Amino acid sequence: MHKQSLYKRLVYQNIEDALAELNAEDKGRYYICNCPECNEHEAFIYKNNTNFIQCNRENHCGERMLLQFQEKKSLHPEIGKMQETYPSLSDDQKEALTWSMRLFSFAKTGFKSEALDNGYRGLSKETARKHIVDLQNKEVAKYFFKKTSSLLGKDYSNNSWMCKRNLVFSLYDKSNILDRVLLRSSIDPTLEPKEIQLIMNPSKDTKDFFIEIPEETKTVVFSESLLDALSFREVDEHCGFIALTGASKTRQVQAYIRENKDTFTDKHILVAMDDDKAGWKATRKLVFALEKEGLGENVSLFRYSDGYQDANEFLQGNREQFTKRYLQDTNQLEQTKQNVNEISLS
């Protein structure tokens, strides 16, 4: 009898589900996880043999088991949810989108990251790990692009230039379905352009801006890039943001303001485009759009210090002053609104 036939077999839908259920921690060449037999966090799975798990407690358990992966034919609950919400997606696209969401969810806590665990470009580890996924290396990025080619409309897995982009900023819609990603590289920081945006849900109208406005938000920041927006999230975890993908990309944002005026009615609005010619041009367009909808009294402009032209550069260069300036600008806006209210009541 073959030796492997003596081992207990554990069946999972895929390796991501197994790692999540076993509370796996990335240790480089292997994962440390809960032993399915004794439930102690001392079992290991080597990355070069993910079909085998062994408990390290030789004198107390030492159990060895085989992991089998069997994709279920029935719809995953998340795929079923997307079936109702986005019926135009093919079955392959639904599965790819669901797989991406599971991968990102696990990677945020299950993967160690040299690029993120000590903070990233002024962002703390907590902010970075909450919003950014590190695909680790070109091989994992290649696998990601292969699995999501039905969503992207193109297979980037053989494109070395794309596969160097291991950092994934993931954005979700109001239904918590993956919407868009922005890719950067810590493997080769010299890559140009530094950021590439990809639409992950092709059933939706594509937007050329990122948006995340939590219900408890009191302040919404308009910034020129997602990294700039997360710089404000670093000093105010509850702030909402709308992040452009460039200073010239204001048309869709202006339309969004016009169609969603109620979203901003009770919010402080801080416009923080880059402190350069293109940024000021974008600022004028956004402020005009906000004023046109009667939101002008909610608006203030973020004030940069000499030498800093964007929010992330400011955060990295002088975190204390950046935080102080953000609080001053938001508090000043609140005081101005109170004064206006007092005058109108007198």
Protein backbone atom coordinates (compact mmCIF):
# COMPACT_ATOMS: atom_id res chain seq x y z
CA MET A 1 0.00 0.00 0.00
CA HIS A 2 1.31 3.47 -0.90
CA LYS A 3 2.42 5.35 2.24
CA GLN A 4 0.37 8.46 1.38
CA SER A 5 -2.84 6.40 1.38
CA LEU A 6 -2.41 5.97 5.17
CA TYR A 7 -2.64 9.71 5.80
CA LYS A 8 -5.89 11.42 6.70
CA ARG A 9 -7.18 13.58 3.82
CA LEU A 10 -8.58 17.06 4.29
CA VAL A 11 -10.55 18.54 1.42
CA TYR A 12 -10.73 22.28 0.73
CA GLN A 13 -12.00 24.23 -2.22
CA ASN A 14 -8.59 25.83 -2.76
CA ILE A 15 -5.34 26.67 -0.97
CA GLU A 16 -6.61 30.15 0.00
CA ASP A 17 -9.58 28.62 1.87
CA ALA A 18 -7.27 26.12 3.60
CA LEU A 19 -4.83 28.80 4.77
CA ALA A 20 -7.63 31.01 6.03
CA GLU A 21 -9.38 28.19 7.94
CA LEU A 22 -6.12 26.97 9.48
CA ASN A 23 -5.15 30.50 10.61
CA ALA A 24 -1.91 30.33 8.62
CA GLU A 25 1.02 32.72 9.11
CA ASP A 26 3.56 33.30 6.37
CA LYS A 27 7.06 32.34 7.56
CA GLY A 28 8.90 32.66 4.27
CA ARG A 29 9.44 29.13 2.90
CA TYR A 30 6.49 27.72 4.83
CA TYR A 31 3.27 28.54 6.70
CA ILE A 32 2.72 27.95 10.44
CA CYS A 33 -0.92 27.09 11.12
CA ASN A 34 -3.35 25.35 13.44
CA CYS A 35 -3.03 21.57 13.45
CA PRO A 36 -6.39 20.10 12.30
CA GLU A 37 -5.86 17.23 14.76
CA CYS A 38 -4.76 18.86 18.06
CA ASN A 39 -5.66 22.46 17.14
CA GLU A 40 -2.33 23.81 18.41
CA HIS A 41 -0.72 26.53 16.28
CA GLU A 42 2.33 24.36 15.52
CA ALA A 43 1.62 22.66 12.21
CA PHE A 44 3.48 23.62 9.04
CA ILE A 45 2.86 23.60 5.30
CA TYR A 46 5.82 24.09 2.97
CA LYS A 47 5.10 26.37 0.03
CA ASN A 48 6.73 23.96 -2.40
CA ASN A 49 4.35 21.19 -1.26
CA THR A 50 1.00 22.66 -0.29
CA ASN A 51 -0.66 19.23 -0.38
CA PHE A 52 0.98 18.13 2.89
CA ILE A 53 0.59 19.39 6.48
CA GLN A 54 2.42 18.10 9.55
CA CYS A 55 2.12 18.89 13.24
CA ASN A 56 5.46 19.86 14.78
CA ARG A 57 4.51 18.49 18.21
CA GLU A 58 6.15 15.09 17.61
CA ASN A 59 5.79 13.84 21.20
CA HIS A 60 2.20 15.04 21.63
CA CYS A 61 0.61 14.85 18.20
CA GLY A 62 2.91 14.79 15.17
CA GLU A 63 -0.04 14.07 12.89
CA ARG A 64 0.59 14.16 9.14
CA MET A 65 -2.24 14.86 6.73
CA LEU A 66 -2.82 15.38 3.03
CA LEU A 67 -4.58 18.47 1.71
CA GLN A 68 -6.76 18.04 -1.33
CA PHE A 69 -8.25 20.90 -3.31
CA GLN A 70 -11.51 20.37 -5.11
CA GLU A 71 -13.28 23.27 -6.76
CA LYS A 72 -16.99 23.03 -6.00
CA LYS A 73 -19.37 23.06 -8.89
CA SER A 74 -22.06 24.85 -6.91
CA LEU A 75 -21.95 28.61 -6.74
CA HIS A 76 -19.88 30.15 -3.97
CA PRO A 77 -22.13 32.50 -1.88
CA GLU A 78 -20.15 35.51 -3.10
CA ILE A 79 -20.55 34.36 -6.70
CA GLY A 80 -24.27 34.00 -6.09
CA LYS A 81 -24.35 37.55 -4.74
CA MET A 82 -22.63 38.78 -7.88
CA GLN A 83 -25.01 36.73 -10.03
CA GLU A 84 -27.86 38.87 -8.73
CA THR A 85 -26.00 42.19 -8.74
CA TYR A 86 -23.97 41.82 -11.94
CA PRO A 87 -25.78 39.33 -14.21
CA SER A 88 -23.76 40.45 -17.23
CA LEU A 89 -20.58 38.86 -15.83
CA SER A 90 -19.76 35.43 -17.22
CA ASP A 91 -19.30 32.49 -14.84
CA ASP A 92 -15.53 32.68 -15.38
CA GLN A 93 -15.55 36.37 -14.51
CA LYS A 94 -17.63 35.82 -11.36
CA GLU A 95 -15.24 33.11 -10.21
CA ALA A 96 -12.20 35.26 -10.98
CA LEU A 97 -13.63 38.25 -9.11
CA THR A 98 -14.53 36.10 -6.10
CA TRP A 99 -11.10 34.47 -6.13
CA SER A 100 -9.41 37.90 -6.21
CA MET A 101 -11.45 39.07 -3.21
CA ARG A 102 -10.51 35.94 -1.22
CA LEU A 103 -6.86 36.32 -2.18
CA PHE A 104 -6.71 39.98 -1.12
CA SER A 105 -8.57 39.29 2.11
CA PHE A 106 -6.12 36.56 3.10
CA ALA A 107 -2.99 38.37 1.84
CA LYS A 108 -3.63 41.45 4.00
CA THR A 109 -2.99 39.40 7.15
CA GLY A 110 -1.57 36.07 5.97
CA PHE A 111 1.42 37.29 3.94
CA LYS A 112 4.49 38.86 5.46
CA SER A 113 5.64 41.90 3.50
CA GLU A 114 9.05 43.53 3.54
CA ALA A 115 7.53 46.43 1.60
CA LEU A 116 4.64 47.10 4.02
CA ASP A 117 5.44 45.73 7.47
CA ASN A 118 7.72 48.66 8.28
CA GLY A 119 5.31 51.16 6.76
CA TYR A 120 5.15 52.41 3.20
CA ARG A 121 5.92 55.93 1.97
CA GLY A 122 4.94 57.53 5.27
CA LEU A 123 1.96 55.24 5.87
CA SER A 124 2.02 53.17 9.06
CA LYS A 125 1.97 49.39 8.86
CA GLU A 126 -1.68 49.43 9.97
CA THR A 127 -2.82 51.82 7.23
CA ALA A 128 -0.64 50.17 4.59
CA ARG A 129 -1.75 46.60 5.37
CA LYS A 130 -5.41 47.63 5.49
CA HIS A 131 -5.39 49.13 2.00
CA ILE A 132 -2.48 47.52 0.15
CA VAL A 133 -1.80 43.89 -0.79
CA ASP A 134 1.75 42.71 -1.45
CA LEU A 135 1.82 39.92 -4.04
CA GLN A 136 5.41 39.29 -2.92
CA ASN A 137 7.16 38.55 -6.22
CA LYS A 138 6.82 38.28 -10.00
CA GLU A 139 5.66 34.65 -9.88
CA VAL A 140 2.69 35.39 -7.62
CA ALA A 141 1.83 38.47 -9.71
CA LYS A 142 2.02 36.29 -12.82
CA TYR A 143 -0.42 33.82 -11.27
CA PHE A 144 -2.75 36.68 -10.27
CA PHE A 145 -2.82 38.04 -13.83
CA LYS A 146 -3.42 34.54 -15.23
CA LYS A 147 -6.37 33.95 -12.92
CA THR A 148 -7.96 37.36 -13.63
CA SER A 149 -7.42 37.59 -17.38
CA SER A 150 -11.17 37.14 -18.00
CA LEU A 151 -11.82 40.29 -15.95
CA LEU A 152 -9.01 42.38 -17.39
CA GLY A 153 -9.72 41.45 -21.00
CA LYS A 154 -6.02 40.64 -21.44
CA ASP A 155 -3.53 38.14 -20.03
CA TYR A 156 -0.64 40.07 -18.50
CA SER A 157 0.99 36.97 -17.00
CA ASN A 158 3.77 36.91 -19.62
CA ASN A 159 4.41 40.64 -19.39
CA SER A 160 7.50 41.01 -17.19
CA TRP A 161 6.97 44.77 -16.87
CA MET A 162 3.47 44.25 -15.43
CA CYS A 163 4.48 41.33 -13.20
CA LYS A 164 6.96 43.55 -11.35
CA ARG A 165 3.97 45.48 -9.97
CA ASN A 166 3.54 43.54 -6.75
CA LEU A 167 1.72 46.19 -4.66
CA VAL A 168 -2.05 46.24 -5.13
CA PHE A 169 -4.24 49.04 -3.77
CA SER A 170 -7.72 47.50 -3.74
CA LEU A 171 -10.96 49.53 -3.81
CA TYR A 172 -14.45 48.16 -3.17
CA ASP A 173 -17.92 49.43 -4.01
CA LYS A 174 -20.82 50.00 -1.60
CA SER A 175 -21.69 46.29 -1.76
CA ASN A 176 -18.11 45.40 -0.75
CA ILE A 177 -17.42 43.94 -4.18
CA LEU A 178 -13.93 44.52 -5.60
CA ASP A 179 -14.17 47.41 -8.02
CA ARG A 180 -10.73 48.63 -9.08
CA VAL A 181 -7.07 48.15 -8.27
CA LEU A 182 -4.06 50.41 -8.56
CA LEU A 183 -0.69 48.74 -9.07
CA ARG A 184 2.73 49.93 -7.93
CA SER A 185 6.07 48.17 -7.52
CA SER A 186 8.45 47.65 -4.62
CA ILE A 187 10.37 45.11 -6.73
CA ASP A 188 11.47 47.87 -9.12
CA PRO A 189 10.54 51.35 -7.80
CA THR A 190 11.98 52.94 -10.97
CA LEU A 191 9.15 51.61 -13.15
CA GLU A 192 7.29 54.27 -15.14
CA PRO A 193 4.52 55.09 -14.92
CA LYS A 194 4.62 54.54 -11.18
CA GLU A 195 0.92 53.69 -10.97
CA ILE A 196 -1.38 51.71 -13.23
CA GLN A 197 -5.12 51.43 -12.63
CA LEU A 198 -7.10 48.35 -13.68
CA ILE A 199 -10.86 47.83 -13.64
CA MET A 200 -11.66 44.54 -11.87
CA ASN A 201 -15.43 44.58 -12.42
CA PRO A 202 -16.04 45.01 -16.18
CA SER A 203 -19.82 44.93 -15.75
CA LYS A 204 -19.80 48.43 -14.25
CA ASP A 205 -19.32 51.83 -15.80
CA THR A 206 -15.62 52.53 -15.52
CA LYS A 207 -14.62 55.52 -13.40
CA ASP A 208 -11.35 57.37 -13.62
CA PHE A 209 -11.33 58.16 -9.90
CA PHE A 210 -11.34 56.27 -6.59
CA ILE A 211 -13.95 56.91 -3.93
CA GLU A 212 -14.35 55.72 -0.36
CA ILE A 213 -16.70 57.65 1.93
CA PRO A 214 -17.61 55.69 5.11
CA GLU A 215 -20.94 56.44 6.82
CA GLU A 216 -19.24 57.97 9.88
CA THR A 217 -17.19 60.35 7.74
CA LYS A 218 -17.18 64.03 8.72
CA THR A 219 -14.50 65.13 6.26
CA VAL A 220 -14.10 64.24 2.58
CA VAL A 221 -10.73 64.94 0.98
CA PHE A 222 -10.31 65.48 -2.76
CA SER A 223 -6.78 64.49 -3.78
CA GLU A 224 -4.82 63.94 -6.96
CA SER A 225 -3.88 60.30 -6.30
CA LEU A 226 -4.87 57.36 -4.14
CA LEU A 227 -1.56 57.46 -2.26
CA ASP A 228 -2.20 61.12 -1.40
CA ALA A 229 -5.70 60.22 -0.18
CA LEU A 230 -4.32 57.46 2.07
CA SER A 231 -1.87 60.00 3.49
CA PHE A 232 -4.87 61.86 4.93
CA ARG A 233 -6.42 58.56 6.05
CA GLU A 234 -3.16 58.01 7.97
CA VAL A 235 -3.89 61.02 10.22
CA ASP A 236 -7.69 60.60 10.26
CA GLU A 237 -8.83 56.99 9.94
CA HIS A 238 -12.45 58.07 9.44
CA CYS A 239 -11.97 60.62 6.67
CA GLY A 240 -13.52 59.89 3.31
CA PHE A 241 -11.83 60.59 0.03
CA ILE A 242 -12.17 61.00 -3.68
CA ALA A 243 -8.85 60.38 -5.40
CA LEU A 244 -8.26 61.32 -9.00
CA THR A 245 -5.93 59.46 -11.34
CA GLY A 246 -4.32 62.69 -12.49
CA ALA A 247 -4.94 66.42 -12.33
CA SER A 248 -6.70 66.48 -15.71
CA LYS A 249 -9.23 63.78 -14.74
CA THR A 250 -11.92 66.01 -13.21
CA ARG A 251 -14.85 65.57 -15.59
CA GLN A 252 -16.30 62.41 -14.05
CA VAL A 253 -15.72 63.75 -10.53
CA GLN A 254 -17.62 66.94 -11.40
CA ALA A 255 -20.48 64.79 -12.71
CA TYR A 256 -20.42 62.70 -9.53
CA ILE A 257 -20.70 65.84 -7.39
CA ARG A 258 -23.65 67.00 -9.45
CA GLU A 259 -25.45 63.65 -9.25
CA ASN A 260 -24.65 62.95 -5.58
CA LYS A 261 -24.98 66.33 -3.89
CA ASP A 262 -26.52 64.79 -0.76
CA THR A 263 -23.32 62.81 -0.13
CA PHE A 264 -21.49 66.08 0.65
CA THR A 265 -24.22 68.21 2.23
CA ASP A 266 -23.21 67.58 5.86
CA LYS A 267 -19.49 67.00 5.24
CA HIS A 268 -16.36 69.12 5.52
CA ILE A 269 -14.78 69.17 2.07
CA LEU A 270 -11.01 69.58 1.90
CA VAL A 271 -9.63 70.07 -1.62
CA ALA A 272 -5.99 68.94 -1.67
CA MET A 273 -4.81 68.81 -5.27
CA ASP A 274 -1.06 69.05 -5.86
CA ASP A 275 0.52 72.43 -5.29
CA ASP A 276 1.48 73.04 -8.93
CA LYS A 277 -0.03 74.58 -12.06
CA ALA A 278 -2.01 71.46 -13.04
CA GLY A 279 -3.19 70.98 -9.46
CA TRP A 280 -4.47 74.53 -9.13
CA LYS A 281 -6.33 74.21 -12.43
CA ALA A 282 -8.04 71.06 -11.13
CA THR A 283 -8.79 72.82 -7.83
CA ARG A 284 -10.62 75.64 -9.61
CA LYS A 285 -12.78 73.17 -11.54
CA LEU A 286 -13.68 71.16 -8.44
CA VAL A 287 -14.42 74.20 -6.29
CA PHE A 288 -16.60 75.63 -9.07
CA ALA A 289 -18.54 72.35 -9.28
CA LEU A 290 -19.04 72.29 -5.50
CA GLU A 291 -20.12 75.94 -5.38
CA LYS A 292 -22.54 75.36 -8.23
CA GLU A 293 -24.30 72.74 -6.10
CA GLY A 294 -24.50 75.12 -3.12
CA LEU A 295 -21.69 73.39 -1.24
CA GLY A 296 -19.23 76.28 -1.27
CA GLU A 297 -19.49 77.00 2.47
CA ASN A 298 -18.39 73.40 3.15
CA VAL A 299 -15.11 73.81 1.23
CA SER A 300 -11.59 74.67 2.32
CA LEU A 301 -8.26 74.29 0.54
CA PHE A 302 -5.40 72.30 2.03
CA ARG A 303 -2.37 74.48 2.66
CA TYR A 304 1.02 73.06 1.75
CA SER A 305 4.27 74.14 3.35
CA ASP A 306 7.17 75.42 1.24
CA GLY A 307 8.88 72.66 -0.69
CA TYR A 308 6.04 70.11 -0.61
CA GLN A 309 3.84 69.69 -3.67
CA ASP A 310 1.63 66.72 -2.79
CA ALA A 311 0.15 65.19 0.35
CA ASN A 312 2.27 62.04 0.45
CA GLU A 313 5.48 64.03 0.01
CA PHE A 314 4.35 66.32 2.86
CA LEU A 315 3.50 63.36 5.12
CA GLN A 316 6.90 61.76 4.54
CA GLY A 317 8.82 65.02 4.92
CA ASN A 318 7.16 66.42 8.03
CA ARG A 319 4.48 64.20 9.55
CA GLU A 320 3.90 66.44 12.58
CA GLN A 321 3.35 69.54 10.48
CA PHE A 322 1.19 67.64 7.98
CA THR A 323 -1.09 66.43 10.79
CA LYS A 324 -1.25 69.88 12.34
CA ARG A 325 -2.11 71.49 9.00
CA TYR A 326 -4.90 68.95 8.35
CA LEU A 327 -6.45 69.60 11.78
CA GLN A 328 -6.13 73.37 11.36
CA ASP A 329 -7.84 73.32 7.97
CA THR A 330 -10.73 71.09 9.10
CA ASN A 331 -11.21 72.99 12.39
CA GLN A 332 -11.11 76.32 10.57
CA LEU A 333 -13.85 75.16 8.25
CA GLU A 334 -15.99 74.08 11.21
CA GLN A 335 -15.49 77.44 12.89
CA THR A 336 -16.40 79.30 9.69
CA LYS A 337 -19.63 77.30 9.37
CA GLN A 338 -20.51 78.04 13.01
CA ASN A 339 -19.96 81.76 12.45
CA VAL A 340 -22.18 81.70 9.35
CA ASN A 341 -24.92 79.89 11.30
CA GLU A 342 -24.69 82.43 14.17
CA ILE A 343 -24.96 85.34 11.76
CA SER A 344 -27.97 83.81 10.00
CA LEU A 345 -29.74 83.28 13.35
CA SER A 346 -29.04 86.77 14.68
